[in-house]
Amino acid sequence: MKVVTTWNGGRAFTAVGDSGYEVNMDATEEAGGAGKGATPAEVLLSALAGCIGIDVTMILRPHLDKISKIELITDGTRKEELPKGFTAMEITFIIDGDIDSKKVWRAIHLGEEKYCTVSDSVKADVQFKLILNGEEQEA
């Protein structure tokens, strides 16, 4: 899987993945951006919620006709100092429907422990490479 992220000037970037869909990101005005896109931190929380949400709906597929609402509220707690990474993330599932909570909890736990690529990836070892003017540069 690959995502190409292109600078649009200022603090704005557009990311396009294999799916072809664009994600527009920008810094807040307080951080020197124009505020014309989601912040990367918001995109990370959105990706986590979207990933676990998709997994839960796949696991609950036989019961989806009994569910009228699924909403996920994702709260991230960040460090005060730079870099202001997340120290904790909490996802609240708000579900309306005729379904046993044990089935929903099972789906949430299976999604988190077995299927959700994003929750697994926040534990990843991130490496960086630099190609400057067409040549790879050593750190």
C-alpha atoms as a PDB file:
ATOM      1  CA  MET A   1       0.000   0.000   0.000  1.00  0.00           C
ATOM      2  CA  LYS A   2       1.272   3.457  -0.830  1.00  0.00           C
ATOM      3  CA  VAL A   3       0.086   6.994  -0.169  1.00  0.00           C
ATOM      4  CA  VAL A   4       1.615   9.955  -2.014  1.00  0.00           C
ATOM      5  CA  THR A   5       1.388  13.207  -0.077  1.00  0.00           C
ATOM      6  CA  THR A   6       1.989  16.450  -1.969  1.00  0.00           C
ATOM      7  CA  TRP A   7       2.716  19.888  -0.561  1.00  0.00           C
ATOM      8  CA  ASN A   8       0.231  22.534  -1.685  1.00  0.00           C
ATOM      9  CA  GLY A   9       2.099  25.534  -0.260  1.00  0.00           C
ATOM     10  CA  GLY A  10       1.980  26.984   3.228  1.00  0.00           C
ATOM     11  CA  ARG A  11       1.201  24.115   5.622  1.00  0.00           C
ATOM     12  CA  ALA A  12      -1.273  22.350   3.308  1.00  0.00           C
ATOM     13  CA  PHE A  13      -0.848  18.825   1.913  1.00  0.00           C
ATOM     14  CA  THR A  14      -2.994  16.451  -0.120  1.00  0.00           C
ATOM     15  CA  ALA A  15      -2.577  12.697   0.314  1.00  0.00           C
ATOM     16  CA  VAL A  16      -3.765  10.202  -2.316  1.00  0.00           C
ATOM     17  CA  GLY A  17      -3.660   6.473  -1.699  1.00  0.00           C
ATOM     18  CA  ASP A  18      -4.155   3.419  -3.879  1.00  0.00           C
ATOM     19  CA  SER A  19      -7.925   3.987  -3.654  1.00  0.00           C
ATOM     20  CA  GLY A  20      -7.576   7.296  -5.490  1.00  0.00           C
ATOM     21  CA  TYR A  21      -9.362   9.316  -2.814  1.00  0.00           C
ATOM     22  CA  GLU A  22      -7.821  12.554  -1.608  1.00  0.00           C
ATOM     23  CA  VAL A  23      -7.325  13.595   2.008  1.00  0.00           C
ATOM     24  CA  ASN A  24      -6.677  17.305   2.435  1.00  0.00           C
ATOM     25  CA  MET A  25      -4.653  18.314   5.468  1.00  0.00           C
ATOM     26  CA  ASP A  26      -3.587  21.685   6.803  1.00  0.00           C
ATOM     27  CA  ALA A  27      -2.325  23.170  10.022  1.00  0.00           C
ATOM     28  CA  THR A  28      -4.599  25.323  12.110  1.00  0.00           C
ATOM     29  CA  GLU A  29      -4.283  29.079  11.691  1.00  0.00           C
ATOM     30  CA  GLU A  30      -2.574  29.217  15.109  1.00  0.00           C
ATOM     31  CA  ALA A  31       0.108  26.849  13.739  1.00  0.00           C
ATOM     32  CA  GLY A  32       0.676  28.858  10.558  1.00  0.00           C
ATOM     33  CA  GLY A  33      -1.795  27.093   8.297  1.00  0.00           C
ATOM     34  CA  ALA A  34      -4.958  28.260   6.604  1.00  0.00           C
ATOM     35  CA  GLY A  35      -7.188  25.718   8.381  1.00  0.00           C
ATOM     36  CA  LYS A  36      -8.455  24.392   5.024  1.00  0.00           C
ATOM     37  CA  GLY A  37      -8.168  20.706   5.838  1.00  0.00           C
ATOM     38  CA  ALA A  38      -8.139  18.251   8.685  1.00  0.00           C
ATOM     39  CA  THR A  39      -5.041  18.303  10.842  1.00  0.00           C
ATOM     40  CA  PRO A  40      -2.845  15.199  10.553  1.00  0.00           C
ATOM     41  CA  ALA A  41      -3.666  14.351  14.187  1.00  0.00           C
ATOM     42  CA  GLU A  42      -7.388  14.464  13.354  1.00  0.00           C
ATOM     43  CA  VAL A  43      -6.740  12.231  10.346  1.00  0.00           C
ATOM     44  CA  LEU A  44      -4.964   9.726  12.603  1.00  0.00           C
ATOM     45  CA  LEU A  45      -7.903   9.606  15.030  1.00  0.00           C
ATOM     46  CA  SER A  46     -10.315   9.388  12.080  1.00  0.00           C
ATOM     47  CA  ALA A  47      -8.330   6.530  10.569  1.00  0.00           C
ATOM     48  CA  LEU A  48      -8.423   4.636  13.862  1.00  0.00           C
ATOM     49  CA  ALA A  49     -12.186   5.108  14.208  1.00  0.00           C
ATOM     50  CA  GLY A  50     -12.836   4.250  10.562  1.00  0.00           C
ATOM     51  CA  CYS A  51     -10.713   1.118  10.730  1.00  0.00           C
ATOM     52  CA  ILE A  52     -12.277  -0.306  13.891  1.00  0.00           C
ATOM     53  CA  GLY A  53     -15.725   0.789  12.672  1.00  0.00           C
ATOM     54  CA  ILE A  54     -15.317  -1.126   9.413  1.00  0.00           C
ATOM     55  CA  ASP A  55     -14.074  -4.194  11.285  1.00  0.00           C
ATOM     56  CA  VAL A  56     -16.963  -4.079  13.762  1.00  0.00           C
ATOM     57  CA  THR A  57     -19.552  -3.789  10.983  1.00  0.00           C
ATOM     58  CA  MET A  58     -17.959  -6.721   9.159  1.00  0.00           C
ATOM     59  CA  ILE A  59     -18.049  -8.862  12.299  1.00  0.00           C
ATOM     60  CA  LEU A  60     -21.619  -7.788  13.087  1.00  0.00           C
ATOM     61  CA  ARG A  61     -22.793  -8.247   9.470  1.00  0.00           C
ATOM     62  CA  PRO A  62     -25.499 -10.804  10.415  1.00  0.00           C
ATOM     63  CA  HIS A  63     -26.977  -8.278  12.882  1.00  0.00           C
ATOM     64  CA  LEU A  64     -26.701  -5.021  10.924  1.00  0.00           C
ATOM     65  CA  ASP A  65     -30.382  -5.114   9.937  1.00  0.00           C
ATOM     66  CA  LYS A  66     -31.201  -4.709  13.650  1.00  0.00           C
ATOM     67  CA  ILE A  67     -28.883  -1.701  14.098  1.00  0.00           C
ATOM     68  CA  SER A  68     -30.119   1.790  13.226  1.00  0.00           C
ATOM     69  CA  LYS A  69     -27.116   3.843  14.336  1.00  0.00           C
ATOM     70  CA  ILE A  70     -23.394   3.431  14.821  1.00  0.00           C
ATOM     71  CA  GLU A  71     -21.392   6.496  15.803  1.00  0.00           C
ATOM     72  CA  LEU A  72     -17.821   6.543  17.068  1.00  0.00           C
ATOM     73  CA  ILE A  73     -16.429   9.381  19.153  1.00  0.00           C
ATOM     74  CA  THR A  74     -12.651   9.273  19.337  1.00  0.00           C
ATOM     75  CA  ASP A  75     -10.848  11.277  22.013  1.00  0.00           C
ATOM     76  CA  GLY A  76      -7.094  11.611  21.933  1.00  0.00           C
ATOM     77  CA  THR A  77      -4.979  12.794  24.842  1.00  0.00           C
ATOM     78  CA  ARG A  78      -1.769  14.474  23.759  1.00  0.00           C
ATOM     79  CA  LYS A  79       1.476  15.378  25.474  1.00  0.00           C
ATOM     80  CA  GLU A  80       1.924  19.032  26.413  1.00  0.00           C
ATOM     81  CA  GLU A  81       5.511  19.189  25.124  1.00  0.00           C
ATOM     82  CA  LEU A  82       6.765  18.719  21.568  1.00  0.00           C
ATOM     83  CA  PRO A  83       6.272  16.434  19.825  1.00  0.00           C
ATOM     84  CA  LYS A  84       2.665  16.469  21.003  1.00  0.00           C
ATOM     85  CA  GLY A  85       2.041  12.795  20.307  1.00  0.00           C
ATOM     86  CA  PHE A  86      -0.925  10.907  21.637  1.00  0.00           C
ATOM     87  CA  THR A  87      -0.504   9.276  25.031  1.00  0.00           C
ATOM     88  CA  ALA A  88      -3.988   7.756  24.998  1.00  0.00           C
ATOM     89  CA  MET A  89      -6.891   7.247  22.611  1.00  0.00           C
ATOM     90  CA  GLU A  90     -10.428   6.314  23.584  1.00  0.00           C
ATOM     91  CA  ILE A  91     -13.166   5.312  21.169  1.00  0.00           C
ATOM     92  CA  THR A  92     -16.758   5.462  22.369  1.00  0.00           C
ATOM     93  CA  PHE A  93     -19.206   3.431  20.286  1.00  0.00           C
ATOM     94  CA  ILE A  94     -22.743   4.819  20.334  1.00  0.00           C
ATOM     95  CA  ILE A  95     -25.038   2.162  18.907  1.00  0.00           C
ATOM     96  CA  ASP A  96     -28.817   2.025  18.661  1.00  0.00           C
ATOM     97  CA  GLY A  97     -30.511  -1.253  17.865  1.00  0.00           C
ATOM     98  CA  ASP A  98     -31.747  -4.618  19.007  1.00  0.00           C
ATOM     99  CA  ILE A  99     -28.413  -6.297  19.707  1.00  0.00           C
ATOM    100  CA  ASP A 100     -26.827  -7.834  22.795  1.00  0.00           C
ATOM    101  CA  SER A 101     -23.920  -5.823  24.225  1.00  0.00           C
ATOM    102  CA  LYS A 102     -21.854  -9.037  24.465  1.00  0.00           C
ATOM    103  CA  LYS A 103     -21.952  -9.370  20.668  1.00  0.00           C
ATOM    104  CA  VAL A 104     -20.854  -5.763  20.224  1.00  0.00           C
ATOM    105  CA  TRP A 105     -18.043  -6.080  22.781  1.00  0.00           C
ATOM    106  CA  ARG A 106     -16.879  -9.283  21.077  1.00  0.00           C
ATOM    107  CA  ALA A 107     -16.776  -7.452  17.731  1.00  0.00           C
ATOM    108  CA  ILE A 108     -14.870  -4.506  19.236  1.00  0.00           C
ATOM    109  CA  HIS A 109     -12.299  -6.776  20.885  1.00  0.00           C
ATOM    110  CA  LEU A 110     -11.864  -8.921  17.766  1.00  0.00           C
ATOM    111  CA  GLY A 111     -11.450  -5.820  15.647  1.00  0.00           C
ATOM    112  CA  GLU A 112      -8.845  -4.327  17.978  1.00  0.00           C
ATOM    113  CA  GLU A 113      -6.904  -7.536  18.649  1.00  0.00           C
ATOM    114  CA  LYS A 114      -7.114  -9.299  15.293  1.00  0.00           C
ATOM    115  CA  TYR A 115      -8.230  -7.102  12.399  1.00  0.00           C
ATOM    116  CA  CYS A 116      -7.707  -3.342  12.835  1.00  0.00           C
ATOM    117  CA  THR A 117      -4.646  -2.357  10.840  1.00  0.00           C
ATOM    118  CA  VAL A 118      -4.577   1.170  12.234  1.00  0.00           C
ATOM    119  CA  SER A 119      -4.677   0.265  15.944  1.00  0.00           C
ATOM    120  CA  ASP A 120      -1.901  -2.243  15.300  1.00  0.00           C
ATOM    121  CA  SER A 121       0.061   0.352  13.319  1.00  0.00           C
ATOM    122  CA  VAL A 122       0.177   2.991  16.048  1.00  0.00           C
ATOM    123  CA  LYS A 123       2.704   0.635  17.654  1.00  0.00           C
ATOM    124  CA  ALA A 124       4.845   0.548  14.481  1.00  0.00           C
ATOM    125  CA  ASP A 125       8.534   1.389  14.233  1.00  0.00           C
ATOM    126  CA  VAL A 126       8.667   4.417  11.908  1.00  0.00           C
ATOM    127  CA  GLN A 127      11.760   4.883   9.722  1.00  0.00           C
ATOM    128  CA  PHE A 128      12.678   7.835   7.504  1.00  0.00           C
ATOM    129  CA  LYS A 129      14.564   8.129   4.193  1.00  0.00           C
ATOM    130  CA  LEU A 130      15.633  11.287   2.375  1.00  0.00           C
ATOM    131  CA  ILE A 131      15.909  11.692  -1.402  1.00  0.00           C
ATOM    132  CA  LEU A 132      17.215  15.188  -2.124  1.00  0.00           C
ATOM    133  CA  ASN A 133      17.377  16.334  -5.725  1.00  0.00           C
ATOM    134  CA  GLY A 134      17.017  12.756  -6.925  1.00  0.00           C
ATOM    135  CA  GLU A 135      19.707  11.235  -4.698  1.00  0.00           C
ATOM    136  CA  GLU A 136      19.203   9.281  -1.496  1.00  0.00           C
ATOM    137  CA  GLN A 137      20.927  10.985   1.407  1.00  0.00           C
ATOM    138  CA  GLU A 138      22.342   9.342   4.515  1.00  0.00           C
ATOM    139  CA  ALA A 139      21.312  10.655   7.917  1.00  0.00           C
END
